[in-house]
N, C-alpha and C. Protein backbone atom coordinates (compact mmCIF):
# COMPACT_ATOMS: atom_id res chain seq x y z
N MET A 1 0.52 -1.15 0.15
CA MET A 1 -0.04 0.24 0.18
C MET A 1 0.88 1.19 0.00
N LEU A 2 0.68 2.04 -0.66
CA LEU A 2 1.55 3.95 -1.12
C LEU A 2 0.57 4.35 0.26
N PRO A 3 1.79 5.37 0.91
CA PRO A 3 1.49 6.11 1.90
C PRO A 3 0.07 6.49 1.23
N GLY A 4 0.12 7.11 0.17
CA GLY A 4 -1.47 8.09 -0.16
C GLY A 4 -2.50 7.87 -0.26
N GLU A 5 -2.18 5.95 0.09
CA GLU A 5 -3.91 5.41 -0.10
C GLU A 5 -4.15 4.50 1.23
N PHE A 6 -3.45 5.15 2.13
CA PHE A 6 -3.72 4.80 3.36
C PHE A 6 -5.46 5.14 3.97
N LYS A 7 -6.41 4.27 4.14
CA LYS A 7 -7.52 4.89 4.70
C LYS A 7 -7.56 4.36 6.48
N GLY A 8 -8.39 4.98 7.01
CA GLY A 8 -8.70 4.49 8.06
C GLY A 8 -9.12 5.37 9.41
N LEU A 9 -9.87 4.61 10.21
CA LEU A 9 -11.04 5.26 10.89
C LEU A 9 -11.52 4.93 12.43
N MET A 10 -11.58 6.04 13.07
CA MET A 10 -12.06 5.40 14.62
C MET A 10 -13.06 6.06 14.70
N LEU A 11 -13.52 5.29 15.43
CA LEU A 11 -15.00 6.25 16.02
C LEU A 11 -14.70 6.35 17.39
N SER A 12 -15.42 6.96 18.23
CA SER A 12 -15.49 7.15 19.39
C SER A 12 -16.93 7.42 19.90
N GLY A 13 -17.09 7.12 21.24
CA GLY A 13 -18.59 7.16 22.03
C GLY A 13 -18.67 6.38 23.11
N ARG A 14 -19.68 6.56 22.79
CA ARG A 14 -20.02 5.26 24.52
C ARG A 14 -20.24 3.91 23.72
N VAL A 15 -19.97 2.43 25.08
CA VAL A 15 -20.68 1.44 24.14
C VAL A 15 -21.10 0.66 25.48
N LEU A 16 -22.41 0.62 24.80
CA LEU A 16 -23.58 0.06 25.66
C LEU A 16 -24.04 -1.04 25.35
N PRO A 17 -24.30 -1.53 26.74
CA PRO A 17 -24.32 -3.45 26.04
C PRO A 17 -25.54 -3.36 26.13
N ASP A 18 -25.68 -4.33 25.36
CA ASP A 18 -27.15 -5.01 24.43
C ASP A 18 -27.93 -5.93 24.71
N ASP A 19 -27.96 -6.25 25.72
CA ASP A 19 -29.06 -8.04 25.98
C ASP A 19 -29.69 -8.41 25.08
N ALA A 20 -30.91 -7.72 24.78
CA ALA A 20 -31.65 -7.45 23.60
C ALA A 20 -31.18 -8.08 22.07
N ALA A 21 -30.05 -7.60 21.61
CA ALA A 21 -29.28 -7.90 20.87
C ALA A 21 -28.53 -9.24 20.89
N ARG A 22 -27.97 -9.35 22.14
CA ARG A 22 -27.46 -10.78 22.26
C ARG A 22 -28.09 -11.53 22.37
N GLU A 23 -29.66 -11.91 22.68
CA GLU A 23 -30.57 -12.84 21.93
C GLU A 23 -30.69 -12.98 20.31
N GLN A 24 -31.12 -11.71 20.01
CA GLN A 24 -31.38 -11.57 18.61
C GLN A 24 -30.36 -12.36 17.48
N LEU A 25 -29.23 -11.77 18.07
CA LEU A 25 -27.80 -12.52 17.39
C LEU A 25 -27.58 -13.56 17.46
N TRP A 26 -27.79 -14.33 18.22
CA TRP A 26 -27.42 -15.69 18.53
C TRP A 26 -27.84 -16.51 17.10
N VAL A 27 -26.45 -17.38 17.10
CA VAL A 27 -27.08 -18.70 15.79
C VAL A 27 -26.98 -19.73 15.97
N GLU A 28 -27.45 -20.80 16.60
CA GLU A 28 -27.83 -22.05 17.05
C GLU A 28 -26.50 -22.41 16.48
N GLY A 29 -25.77 -22.93 17.00
CA GLY A 29 -24.35 -23.72 16.72
C GLY A 29 -23.22 -23.01 17.05
N TRP A 30 -23.38 -21.99 17.44
CA TRP A 30 -22.23 -21.30 17.86
C TRP A 30 -21.88 -22.09 19.84
N GLU A 31 -22.14 -22.83 19.79
CA GLU A 31 -22.08 -23.36 21.51
C GLU A 31 -20.60 -23.75 20.94
N ARG A 32 -20.27 -24.34 19.93
CA ARG A 32 -19.18 -25.05 19.98
C ARG A 32 -17.91 -24.18 19.85
N TYR A 33 -17.78 -22.12 19.82
CA TYR A 33 -17.19 -21.31 20.38
C TYR A 33 -17.38 -21.24 21.48
N TYR A 34 -18.87 -20.74 22.02
CA TYR A 34 -19.23 -20.69 23.54
C TYR A 34 -19.55 -21.57 24.41
N SER A 35 -18.82 -22.82 25.22
CA SER A 35 -20.03 -23.61 25.79
C SER A 35 -20.99 -23.35 26.80
N ARG A 36 -21.68 -22.42 26.75
CA ARG A 36 -22.36 -22.11 27.96
C ARG A 36 -23.09 -21.20 26.90
N GLY A 37 -23.12 -21.40 25.61
CA GLY A 37 -24.35 -21.03 24.87
C GLY A 37 -24.30 -19.15 25.04
N ARG A 38 -25.42 -19.06 24.87
CA ARG A 38 -25.88 -17.24 24.52
C ARG A 38 -26.17 -17.04 25.74
N HIS A 39 -25.17 -17.41 27.44
CA HIS A 39 -25.40 -16.47 28.17
C HIS A 39 -23.97 -16.89 28.85
N ASP A 40 -23.25 -17.20 27.64
CA ASP A 40 -21.73 -17.01 28.35
C ASP A 40 -20.86 -15.92 28.41
N PRO A 41 -20.15 -15.73 29.27
CA PRO A 41 -19.49 -14.09 29.47
C PRO A 41 -18.27 -14.17 28.29
N ASP A 42 -18.46 -15.01 27.46
CA ASP A 42 -17.36 -14.73 26.52
C ASP A 42 -18.29 -14.16 25.13
N TYR A 43 -19.42 -14.50 24.96
CA TYR A 43 -20.58 -13.96 23.97
C TYR A 43 -20.84 -12.54 24.42
N THR A 44 -20.12 -11.60 23.74
CA THR A 44 -20.42 -10.44 23.73
C THR A 44 -20.94 -9.79 22.59
N VAL A 45 -21.64 -8.80 22.77
CA VAL A 45 -22.71 -8.35 21.30
C VAL A 45 -22.50 -6.99 21.88
N LEU A 46 -21.45 -6.06 21.11
CA LEU A 46 -21.21 -4.31 21.95
C LEU A 46 -22.16 -3.39 20.55
N ARG A 47 -23.32 -2.64 21.38
CA ARG A 47 -23.76 -1.39 20.25
C ARG A 47 -22.89 -0.19 20.71
N LEU A 48 -22.08 0.28 19.33
CA LEU A 48 -21.47 2.02 20.03
C LEU A 48 -22.79 2.72 19.38
N ASP A 49 -22.42 3.68 20.40
CA ASP A 49 -23.14 4.90 19.74
C ASP A 49 -22.56 6.02 19.57
N PRO A 50 -21.80 5.93 18.87
CA PRO A 50 -20.75 7.10 18.22
C PRO A 50 -21.10 8.48 18.21
N VAL A 51 -19.75 9.53 18.81
CA VAL A 51 -20.07 10.87 18.57
C VAL A 51 -19.41 12.02 18.00
N ARG A 52 -18.04 11.23 17.49
CA ARG A 52 -17.28 11.69 16.97
C ARG A 52 -16.29 10.61 15.95
N ALA A 53 -16.36 10.93 14.46
CA ALA A 53 -15.86 10.27 13.52
C ALA A 53 -14.03 10.82 13.11
N ARG A 54 -12.65 10.13 13.58
CA ARG A 54 -11.58 10.69 13.30
C ARG A 54 -11.03 9.77 12.32
N GLY A 55 -10.37 10.28 10.93
CA GLY A 55 -9.80 8.80 10.00
C GLY A 55 -8.49 9.76 9.09
N TRP A 56 -8.34 9.09 8.24
CA TRP A 56 -7.43 9.25 7.09
C TRP A 56 -7.66 8.83 5.67
N TYR A 57 -7.44 9.83 5.09
CA TYR A 57 -8.20 9.37 3.48
C TYR A 57 -7.33 9.96 2.45
N ALA A 58 -6.84 9.49 1.52
CA ALA A 58 -5.91 9.85 0.67
C ALA A 58 -4.78 10.83 1.25
N GLY A 59 -4.11 10.25 2.22
CA GLY A 59 -2.93 11.12 2.90
C GLY A 59 -3.88 12.06 3.70
N GLU A 60 -5.33 12.68 3.54
CA GLU A 60 -5.62 13.86 4.79
C GLU A 60 -6.15 13.28 5.51
N ALA A 61 -6.16 13.33 6.36
CA ALA A 61 -7.03 13.77 8.29
C ALA A 61 -8.18 14.31 8.45
N PHE A 62 -9.69 13.34 8.55
CA PHE A 62 -10.66 13.72 8.59
C PHE A 62 -10.65 14.20 10.35
N ASP A 63 -12.18 14.99 10.63
CA ASP A 63 -12.12 14.51 12.17
C ASP A 63 -13.41 15.58 12.12
N PHE A 64 -14.78 14.58 12.64
CA PHE A 64 -15.75 15.02 12.49
C PHE A 64 -16.69 14.91 13.16
N ALA A 65 -17.41 15.47 14.44
CA ALA A 65 -18.77 15.15 15.15
C ALA A 65 -19.74 14.60 14.38
N LEU A 66 -20.28 13.82 14.76
CA LEU A 66 -21.73 13.09 14.27
C LEU A 66 -23.00 13.30 14.87
């Protein structure tokens, strides 16, 4: 990748636990990865409520409030 082709994005905001999303997004068969099923503490779904975006595109930085 050439320096002028670098692209990146960072969002900052509040991370909100979302138990309803955990239930809704669960897929049968994931017990293979989460032995205690959808209630396994390692199974995590996060909802990000972004308030700011910062990134780089075509060698230029950008920063704006959302």
